[in-house]
Amino acid sequence: MGSDDKCAICSEKIELRYSPMEEWSIEGSICGKCYSKKLSDHYPGEHARVNKQLD
């Protein structure tokens, strides 16, 4: 795997790899937790969960 198995933001081990959006200017993959946080920062306000069946 190499260095790609650590989050580019928090450096924690990535279980499920996410690719950051281009406008975030982040190199490498990020974890779901950081992806969610960046999405919230990028799109402020309330968000409806699409995959509610996964809860």
Protein backbone atom coordinates (compact mmCIF):
# COMPACT_ATOMS: atom_id res chain seq x y z
CA MET A 1 0.00 0.00 0.00
CA GLY A 2 2.66 2.56 0.90
CA SER A 3 2.08 6.09 2.16
CA ASP A 4 -1.35 6.18 0.52
CA ASP A 5 -2.92 4.27 3.44
CA LYS A 6 -2.65 7.30 5.75
CA CYS A 7 -4.99 10.30 5.63
CA ALA A 8 -3.41 13.39 4.06
CA ILE A 9 -5.10 15.56 6.73
CA CYS A 10 -5.04 13.68 10.05
CA SER A 11 -2.43 10.98 9.20
CA GLU A 12 -4.64 8.22 10.62
CA LYS A 13 -4.89 4.89 8.86
CA ILE A 14 -7.51 4.95 6.10
CA GLU A 15 -10.14 2.21 6.22
CA LEU A 16 -12.22 3.59 3.35
CA ARG A 17 -10.27 5.85 1.00
CA TYR A 18 -11.77 9.10 -0.28
CA SER A 19 -10.37 11.40 -2.95
CA PRO A 20 -10.42 15.08 -1.99
CA MET A 21 -12.14 17.57 -4.27
CA GLU A 22 -9.76 19.53 -6.53
CA GLU A 23 -10.68 22.87 -4.95
CA TRP A 24 -9.49 21.61 -1.55
CA SER A 25 -5.88 21.48 -2.85
CA ILE A 26 -5.05 18.31 -0.91
CA GLU A 27 -2.53 15.78 -2.22
CA GLY A 28 -3.30 12.12 -1.59
CA SER A 29 -6.26 10.29 -0.11
CA ILE A 30 -8.26 11.24 2.96
CA CYS A 31 -10.32 9.28 5.48
CA GLY A 32 -14.11 9.43 5.69
CA LYS A 33 -14.05 11.53 8.86
CA CYS A 34 -11.91 14.25 7.27
CA TYR A 35 -13.86 14.01 4.00
CA SER A 36 -17.12 14.65 5.87
CA LYS A 37 -15.55 17.57 7.75
CA LYS A 38 -14.20 19.13 4.55
CA LEU A 39 -17.59 18.68 2.85
CA SER A 40 -19.27 20.45 5.78
CA ASP A 41 -16.73 23.29 5.56
CA HIS A 42 -17.11 23.53 1.79
CA TYR A 43 -20.92 23.28 1.81
CA PRO A 44 -22.11 24.93 5.05
CA GLY A 45 -25.61 24.36 6.36
CA GLU A 46 -27.80 21.34 6.95
CA HIS A 47 -27.19 18.21 4.94
CA ALA A 48 -29.69 15.42 4.31
CA ARG A 49 -28.14 11.96 4.43
CA VAL A 50 -28.70 10.13 1.15
CA ASN A 51 -27.78 6.62 2.29
CA LYS A 52 -29.98 6.48 5.39
CA GLN A 53 -30.37 2.72 4.97
CA LEU A 54 -26.68 2.41 5.94
CA ASP A 55 -27.33 3.83 9.43
